Amino acid sequence: TEKLIEKFRAKASKASMAQSLIKKLDKVERIEVD
């Protein structure tokens, strides 16, 4: 997802998609190992 964000950020037409992926990533609950 982070690679896609970096890729989309470079293109003005994909900027909104990059922002959407960033929001999605922020909502991910990180899995922790005991």
All heavy atoms as atom14 arrays in JSON, in Angstrom:
{
  "sequence": "TEKLIEKFRAKASKASMAQSLIKKLDKVERIEVD",
  "atom14_mask": [
    [1, 1, 1, 1, 1, 1, 1, 0, 0, 0, 0, 0, 0, 0],
    [1, 1, 1, 1, 1, 1, 1, 1, 1, 0, 0, 0, 0, 0],
    [1, 1, 1, 1, 1, 1, 1, 1, 1, 0, 0, 0, 0, 0],
    [1, 1, 1, 1, 1, 1, 1, 1, 0, 0, 0, 0, 0, 0],
    [1, 1, 1, 1, 1, 1, 1, 1, 0, 0, 0, 0, 0, 0],
    [1, 1, 1, 1, 1, 1, 1, 1, 1, 0, 0, 0, 0, 0],
    [1, 1, 1, 1, 1, 1, 1, 1, 1, 0, 0, 0, 0, 0],
    [1, 1, 1, 1, 1, 1, 1, 1, 1, 1, 1, 0, 0, 0],
    [1, 1, 1, 1, 1, 1, 1, 1, 1, 1, 1, 0, 0, 0],
    [1, 1, 1, 1, 1, 0, 0, 0, 0, 0, 0, 0, 0, 0],
    [1, 1, 1, 1, 1, 1, 1, 1, 1, 0, 0, 0, 0, 0],
    [1, 1, 1, 1, 1, 0, 0, 0, 0, 0, 0, 0, 0, 0],
    [1, 1, 1, 1, 1, 1, 0, 0, 0, 0, 0, 0, 0, 0],
    [1, 1, 1, 1, 1, 1, 1, 1, 1, 0, 0, 0, 0, 0],
    [1, 1, 1, 1, 1, 0, 0, 0, 0, 0, 0, 0, 0, 0],
    [1, 1, 1, 1, 1, 1, 0, 0, 0, 0, 0, 0, 0, 0],
    [1, 1, 1, 1, 1, 1, 1, 1, 0, 0, 0, 0, 0, 0],
    [1, 1, 1, 1, 1, 0, 0, 0, 0, 0, 0, 0, 0, 0],
    [1, 1, 1, 1, 1, 1, 1, 1, 1, 0, 0, 0, 0, 0],
    [1, 1, 1, 1, 1, 1, 0, 0, 0, 0, 0, 0, 0, 0],
    [1, 1, 1, 1, 1, 1, 1, 1, 0, 0, 0, 0, 0, 0],
    [1, 1, 1, 1, 1, 1, 1, 1, 0, 0, 0, 0, 0, 0],
    [1, 1, 1, 1, 1, 1, 1, 1, 1, 0, 0, 0, 0, 0],
    [1, 1, 1, 1, 1, 1, 1, 1, 1, 0, 0, 0, 0, 0],
    [1, 1, 1, 1, 1, 1, 1, 1, 0, 0, 0, 0, 0, 0],
    [1, 1, 1, 1, 1, 1, 1, 1, 0, 0, 0, 0, 0, 0],
    [1, 1, 1, 1, 1, 1, 1, 1, 1, 0, 0, 0, 0, 0],
    [1, 1, 1, 1, 1, 1, 1, 0, 0, 0, 0, 0, 0, 0],
    [1, 1, 1, 1, 1, 1, 1, 1, 1, 0, 0, 0, 0, 0],
    [1, 1, 1, 1, 1, 1, 1, 1, 1, 1, 1, 0, 0, 0],
    [1, 1, 1, 1, 1, 1, 1, 1, 0, 0, 0, 0, 0, 0],
    [1, 1, 1, 1, 1, 1, 1, 1, 1, 0, 0, 0, 0, 0],
    [1, 1, 1, 1, 1, 1, 1, 0, 0, 0, 0, 0, 0, 0],
    [1, 1, 1, 1, 1, 1, 1, 1, 0, 0, 0, 0, 0, 0]
  ],
  "atom14_positions": [
    [[0.83, -1.2, 0.0], [0.0, 0.0, 0.0], [0.87, 1.26, 0.0], [0.59, 2.24, -0.7], [-0.94, 0.0, 1.23], [-1.72, -1.19, 1.22], [-1.86, 1.21, 1.22], [0.0, 0.0, 0.0], [0.0, 0.0, 0.0], [0.0, 0.0, 0.0], [0.0, 0.0, 0.0], [0.0, 0.0, 0.0], [0.0, 0.0, 0.0], [0.0, 0.0, 0.0]],
    [[1.96, 1.23, 0.8], [2.86, 2.39, 0.88], [3.55, 2.65, -0.46], [3.76, 3.81, -0.85], [3.89, 2.16, 1.98], [3.31, 2.29, 3.39], [4.29, 1.92, 4.48], [5.29, 1.21, 4.15], [4.07, 2.31, 5.64], [0.0, 0.0, 0.0], [0.0, 0.0, 0.0], [0.0, 0.0, 0.0], [0.0, 0.0, 0.0], [0.0, 0.0, 0.0]],
    [[3.89, 1.57, -1.17], [4.49, 1.73, -2.5], [3.51, 2.38, -3.48], [3.87, 3.24, -4.29], [4.93, 0.36, -3.05], [6.2, -0.18, -2.4], [6.55, -1.55, -2.95], [7.79, -2.12, -2.24], [8.09, -3.5, -2.73], [0.0, 0.0, 0.0], [0.0, 0.0, 0.0], [0.0, 0.0, 0.0], [0.0, 0.0, 0.0], [0.0, 0.0, 0.0]],
    [[2.22, 1.94, -3.39], [1.2, 2.53, -4.25], [1.01, 4.02, -3.95], [0.85, 4.84, -4.86], [-0.14, 1.8, -4.08], [-0.26, 0.42, -4.74], [-1.56, -0.26, -4.32], [-0.19, 0.55, -6.25], [0.0, 0.0, 0.0], [0.0, 0.0, 0.0], [0.0, 0.0, 0.0], [0.0, 0.0, 0.0], [0.0, 0.0, 0.0], [0.0, 0.0, 0.0]],
    [[1.03, 4.33, -2.64], [0.87, 5.74, -2.24], [1.98, 6.59, -2.84], [1.74, 7.67, -3.4], [0.85, 5.86, -0.7], [-0.45, 5.26, -0.13], [0.97, 7.32, -0.25], [-0.45, 5.1, 1.38], [0.0, 0.0, 0.0], [0.0, 0.0, 0.0], [0.0, 0.0, 0.0], [0.0, 0.0, 0.0], [0.0, 0.0, 0.0], [0.0, 0.0, 0.0]],
    [[3.24, 6.13, -2.72], [4.38, 6.87, -3.27], [4.26, 7.0, -4.79], [4.58, 8.05, -5.37], [5.69, 6.16, -2.92], [6.07, 6.22, -1.45], [6.19, 7.65, -0.97], [6.82, 8.47, -1.68], [5.64, 7.96, 0.11], [0.0, 0.0, 0.0], [0.0, 0.0, 0.0], [0.0, 0.0, 0.0], [0.0, 0.0, 0.0], [0.0, 0.0, 0.0]],
    [[3.77, 5.94, -5.43], [3.62, 5.94, -6.89], [2.54, 6.93, -7.33], [2.72, 7.71, -8.28], [3.26, 4.52, -7.35], [3.25, 4.34, -8.85], [2.95, 2.89, -9.19], [2.92, 2.7, -10.71], [2.58, 1.3, -11.06], [0.0, 0.0, 0.0], [0.0, 0.0, 0.0], [0.0, 0.0, 0.0], [0.0, 0.0, 0.0], [0.0, 0.0, 0.0]],
    [[1.39, 6.91, -6.59], [0.26, 7.78, -6.97], [0.53, 9.25, -6.64], [0.0, 10.15, -7.28], [-1.01, 7.32, -6.28], [-1.53, 6.0, -6.81], [-2.4, 5.22, -6.04], [-1.15, 5.53, -8.06], [-2.87, 4.0, -6.51], [-1.63, 4.32, -8.55], [-2.48, 3.55, -7.77], [0.0, 0.0, 0.0], [0.0, 0.0, 0.0], [0.0, 0.0, 0.0]],
    [[1.33, 9.48, -5.61], [1.62, 10.86, -5.22], [2.32, 11.63, -6.34], [2.19, 12.86, -6.46], [2.54, 10.87, -3.98], [1.77, 10.9, -2.66], [2.75, 10.87, -1.51], [2.05, 11.0, -0.24], [2.6, 10.72, 0.95], [3.86, 10.3, 0.99], [1.91, 10.88, 2.05], [0.0, 0.0, 0.0], [0.0, 0.0, 0.0], [0.0, 0.0, 0.0]],
    [[3.09, 10.91, -7.13], [3.87, 11.55, -8.18], [3.0, 12.02, -9.35], [3.44, 12.82, -10.18], [4.95, 10.59, -8.68], [0.0, 0.0, 0.0], [0.0, 0.0, 0.0], [0.0, 0.0, 0.0], [0.0, 0.0, 0.0], [0.0, 0.0, 0.0], [0.0, 0.0, 0.0], [0.0, 0.0, 0.0], [0.0, 0.0, 0.0], [0.0, 0.0, 0.0]],
    [[1.76, 11.51, -9.43], [0.87, 11.86, -10.53], [-0.31, 12.68, -10.01], [-1.0, 12.25, -9.08], [0.35, 10.6, -11.23], [1.47, 9.76, -11.86], [0.91, 8.52, -12.52], [2.01, 7.66, -13.14], [1.45, 6.45, -13.77], [0.0, 0.0, 0.0], [0.0, 0.0, 0.0], [0.0, 0.0, 0.0], [0.0, 0.0, 0.0], [0.0, 0.0, 0.0]],
    [[-0.53, 13.84, -10.61], [-1.62, 14.72, -10.17], [-2.97, 14.05, -10.32], [-3.87, 14.21, -9.48], [-1.59, 16.02, -10.97], [0.0, 0.0, 0.0], [0.0, 0.0, 0.0], [0.0, 0.0, 0.0], [0.0, 0.0, 0.0], [0.0, 0.0, 0.0], [0.0, 0.0, 0.0], [0.0, 0.0, 0.0], [0.0, 0.0, 0.0], [0.0, 0.0, 0.0]],
    [[-3.13, 13.21, -11.35], [-4.42, 12.57, -11.61], [-4.74, 11.49, -10.57], [-5.88, 11.08, -10.42], [-4.44, 11.96, -13.01], [-3.4, 10.98, -13.12], [0.0, 0.0, 0.0], [0.0, 0.0, 0.0], [0.0, 0.0, 0.0], [0.0, 0.0, 0.0], [0.0, 0.0, 0.0], [0.0, 0.0, 0.0], [0.0, 0.0, 0.0], [0.0, 0.0, 0.0]],
    [[-3.68, 11.03, -9.88], [-3.87, 9.95, -8.9], [-3.78, 10.45, -7.44], [-3.79, 9.67, -6.5], [-2.8, 8.87, -9.08], [-2.77, 8.24, -10.46], [-3.96, 7.3, -10.65], [-3.83, 6.55, -11.99], [-4.94, 5.61, -12.18], [0.0, 0.0, 0.0], [0.0, 0.0, 0.0], [0.0, 0.0, 0.0], [0.0, 0.0, 0.0], [0.0, 0.0, 0.0]],
    [[-3.67, 11.77, -7.25], [-3.47, 12.33, -5.91], [-4.61, 11.97, -4.96], [-4.4, 11.65, -3.79], [-3.31, 13.85, -5.99], [0.0, 0.0, 0.0], [0.0, 0.0, 0.0], [0.0, 0.0, 0.0], [0.0, 0.0, 0.0], [0.0, 0.0, 0.0], [0.0, 0.0, 0.0], [0.0, 0.0, 0.0], [0.0, 0.0, 0.0], [0.0, 0.0, 0.0]],
    [[-5.85, 12.04, -5.47], [-7.0, 11.73, -4.61], [-6.98, 10.26, -4.19], [-7.35, 9.9, -3.07], [-8.32, 12.06, -5.34], [-8.43, 11.28, -6.52], [0.0, 0.0, 0.0], [0.0, 0.0, 0.0], [0.0, 0.0, 0.0], [0.0, 0.0, 0.0], [0.0, 0.0, 0.0], [0.0, 0.0, 0.0], [0.0, 0.0, 0.0], [0.0, 0.0, 0.0]],
    [[-6.52, 9.41, -5.11], [-6.43, 7.97, -4.79], [-5.37, 7.74, -3.72], [-5.55, 6.91, -2.81], [-6.1, 7.18, -6.05], [-6.24, 5.67, -5.88], [-6.01, 4.77, -7.42], [-7.48, 5.25, -8.31], [0.0, 0.0, 0.0], [0.0, 0.0, 0.0], [0.0, 0.0, 0.0], [0.0, 0.0, 0.0], [0.0, 0.0, 0.0], [0.0, 0.0, 0.0]],
    [[-4.27, 8.51, -3.8], [-3.22, 8.39, -2.8], [-3.73, 8.79, -1.43], [-3.45, 8.13, -0.42], [-2.03, 9.26, -3.2], [0.0, 0.0, 0.0], [0.0, 0.0, 0.0], [0.0, 0.0, 0.0], [0.0, 0.0, 0.0], [0.0, 0.0, 0.0], [0.0, 0.0, 0.0], [0.0, 0.0, 0.0], [0.0, 0.0, 0.0], [0.0, 0.0, 0.0]],
    [[-4.5, 9.87, -1.36], [-5.07, 10.33, -0.09], [-6.02, 9.29, 0.49], [-6.07, 9.05, 1.7], [-5.81, 11.66, -0.29], [-4.89, 12.85, -0.54], [-3.94, 13.08, 0.63], [-4.34, 13.0, 1.8], [-2.67, 13.33, 0.31], [0.0, 0.0, 0.0], [0.0, 0.0, 0.0], [0.0, 0.0, 0.0], [0.0, 0.0, 0.0], [0.0, 0.0, 0.0]],
    [[-6.79, 8.66, -0.4], [-7.73, 7.63, 0.04], [-6.99, 6.44, 0.66], [-7.4, 5.89, 1.69], [-8.57, 7.17, -1.15], [-9.43, 6.1, -0.78], [0.0, 0.0, 0.0], [0.0, 0.0, 0.0], [0.0, 0.0, 0.0], [0.0, 0.0, 0.0], [0.0, 0.0, 0.0], [0.0, 0.0, 0.0], [0.0, 0.0, 0.0], [0.0, 0.0, 0.0]],
    [[-5.87, 6.05, 0.02], [-5.08, 4.93, 0.55], [-4.43, 5.29, 1.89], [-4.31, 4.45, 2.78], [-3.99, 4.54, -0.46], [-4.46, 3.78, -1.71], [-3.32, 3.65, -2.71], [-5.01, 2.41, -1.34], [0.0, 0.0, 0.0], [0.0, 0.0, 0.0], [0.0, 0.0, 0.0], [0.0, 0.0, 0.0], [0.0, 0.0, 0.0], [0.0, 0.0, 0.0]],
    [[-4.01, 6.57, 2.03], [-3.41, 7.01, 3.3], [-4.42, 6.91, 4.43], [-4.11, 6.43, 5.53], [-2.88, 8.46, 3.16], [-1.65, 8.48, 2.25], [-2.53, 9.04, 4.54], [-1.19, 9.87, 1.87], [0.0, 0.0, 0.0], [0.0, 0.0, 0.0], [0.0, 0.0, 0.0], [0.0, 0.0, 0.0], [0.0, 0.0, 0.0], [0.0, 0.0, 0.0]],
    [[-5.66, 7.35, 4.17], [-6.71, 7.27, 5.19], [-7.0, 5.81, 5.55], [-7.21, 5.46, 6.72], [-7.98, 7.95, 4.69], [-7.89, 9.47, 4.62], [-9.17, 10.07, 4.07], [-9.05, 11.59, 3.96], [-10.28, 12.19, 3.36], [0.0, 0.0, 0.0], [0.0, 0.0, 0.0], [0.0, 0.0, 0.0], [0.0, 0.0, 0.0], [0.0, 0.0, 0.0]],
    [[-7.02, 4.99, 4.53], [-7.28, 3.55, 4.75], [-6.19, 2.94, 5.62], [-6.45, 2.13, 6.52], [-7.37, 2.85, 3.4], [-7.72, 1.37, 3.49], [-7.79, 0.75, 2.11], [-8.08, -0.74, 2.22], [-8.08, -1.39, 0.88], [0.0, 0.0, 0.0], [0.0, 0.0, 0.0], [0.0, 0.0, 0.0], [0.0, 0.0, 0.0], [0.0, 0.0, 0.0]],
    [[-4.93, 3.35, 5.33], [-3.79, 2.82, 6.07], [-3.83, 3.27, 7.53], [-3.46, 2.51, 8.43], [-2.49, 3.3, 5.41], [-1.23, 2.46, 5.69], [-1.42, 1.02, 5.27], [-0.03, 3.08, 4.97], [0.0, 0.0, 0.0], [0.0, 0.0, 0.0], [0.0, 0.0, 0.0], [0.0, 0.0, 0.0], [0.0, 0.0, 0.0], [0.0, 0.0, 0.0]],
    [[-4.27, 4.51, 7.76], [-4.35, 5.04, 9.13], [-5.35, 4.26, 9.98], [-5.22, 4.19, 11.22], [-4.74, 6.52, 9.11], [-3.59, 7.39, 8.62], [-2.44, 6.91, 8.66], [-3.84, 8.53, 8.17], [0.0, 0.0, 0.0], [0.0, 0.0, 0.0], [0.0, 0.0, 0.0], [0.0, 0.0, 0.0], [0.0, 0.0, 0.0], [0.0, 0.0, 0.0]],
    [[-6.37, 3.71, 9.32], [-7.42, 3.0, 10.06], [-7.05, 1.54, 10.36], [-7.75, 0.86, 11.13], [-8.72, 3.02, 9.26], [-9.35, 4.41, 9.16], [-10.61, 4.37, 8.32], [-11.25, 5.76, 8.2], [-12.42, 5.75, 7.3], [0.0, 0.0, 0.0], [0.0, 0.0, 0.0], [0.0, 0.0, 0.0], [0.0, 0.0, 0.0], [0.0, 0.0, 0.0]],
    [[-5.98, 1.06, 9.73], [-5.59, -0.34, 9.93], [-5.14, -0.56, 11.38], [-4.3, 0.18, 11.89], [-4.46, -0.76, 8.97], [-3.9, -2.13, 9.35], [-4.96, -0.77, 7.53], [0.0, 0.0, 0.0], [0.0, 0.0, 0.0], [0.0, 0.0, 0.0], [0.0, 0.0, 0.0], [0.0, 0.0, 0.0], [0.0, 0.0, 0.0], [0.0, 0.0, 0.0]],
    [[-5.73, -1.55, 12.02], [-5.32, -1.9, 13.39], [-4.14, -2.87, 13.31], [-4.27, -4.0, 12.83], [-6.49, -2.56, 14.14], [-6.22, -2.72, 15.62], [-7.45, -3.22, 16.38], [-8.58, -2.94, 15.94], [-7.27, -3.92, 17.38], [0.0, 0.0, 0.0], [0.0, 0.0, 0.0], [0.0, 0.0, 0.0], [0.0, 0.0, 0.0], [0.0, 0.0, 0.0]],
    [[-2.99, -2.38, 13.74], [-1.76, -3.17, 13.59], [-1.81, -4.41, 14.49], [-2.15, -4.33, 15.67], [-0.54, -2.34, 13.97], [-0.38, -1.05, 13.15], [-0.1, -1.35, 11.69], [-0.1, -0.14, 10.87], [0.99, 0.34, 10.27], [2.16, -0.25, 10.42], [0.9, 1.42, 9.51], [0.0, 0.0, 0.0], [0.0, 0.0, 0.0], [0.0, 0.0, 0.0]],
    [[-1.46, -5.54, 13.91], [-1.43, -6.81, 14.67], [-0.17, -6.83, 15.52], [0.94, -6.58, 15.03], [-1.45, -8.02, 13.72], [-2.78, -8.06, 12.95], [-1.22, -9.32, 14.49], [-2.81, -9.08, 11.83], [0.0, 0.0, 0.0], [0.0, 0.0, 0.0], [0.0, 0.0, 0.0], [0.0, 0.0, 0.0], [0.0, 0.0, 0.0], [0.0, 0.0, 0.0]],
    [[-0.33, -7.11, 16.8], [0.8, -7.2, 17.71], [1.02, -8.65, 18.12], [0.07, -9.41, 18.32], [0.57, -6.36, 18.97], [0.55, -4.86, 18.7], [0.44, -4.05, 19.97], [0.42, -4.67, 21.06], [0.37, -2.82, 19.88], [0.0, 0.0, 0.0], [0.0, 0.0, 0.0], [0.0, 0.0, 0.0], [0.0, 0.0, 0.0], [0.0, 0.0, 0.0]],
    [[2.29, -9.01, 18.23], [2.65, -10.36, 18.7], [2.9, -10.28, 20.19], [3.6, -9.38, 20.66], [3.91, -10.88, 17.97], [4.33, -12.24, 18.52], [3.66, -10.95, 16.47], [0.0, 0.0, 0.0], [0.0, 0.0, 0.0], [0.0, 0.0, 0.0], [0.0, 0.0, 0.0], [0.0, 0.0, 0.0], [0.0, 0.0, 0.0], [0.0, 0.0, 0.0]],
    [[2.29, -11.21, 20.95], [2.49, -11.23, 22.4], [3.98, -11.29, 22.72], [4.71, -12.15, 22.2], [1.81, -12.46, 23.03], [0.29, -12.4, 22.88], [-0.23, -11.3, 22.68], [-0.35, -13.46, 22.98], [0.0, 0.0, 0.0], [0.0, 0.0, 0.0], [0.0, 0.0, 0.0], [0.0, 0.0, 0.0], [0.0, 0.0, 0.0], [0.0, 0.0, 0.0]]
  ]
}
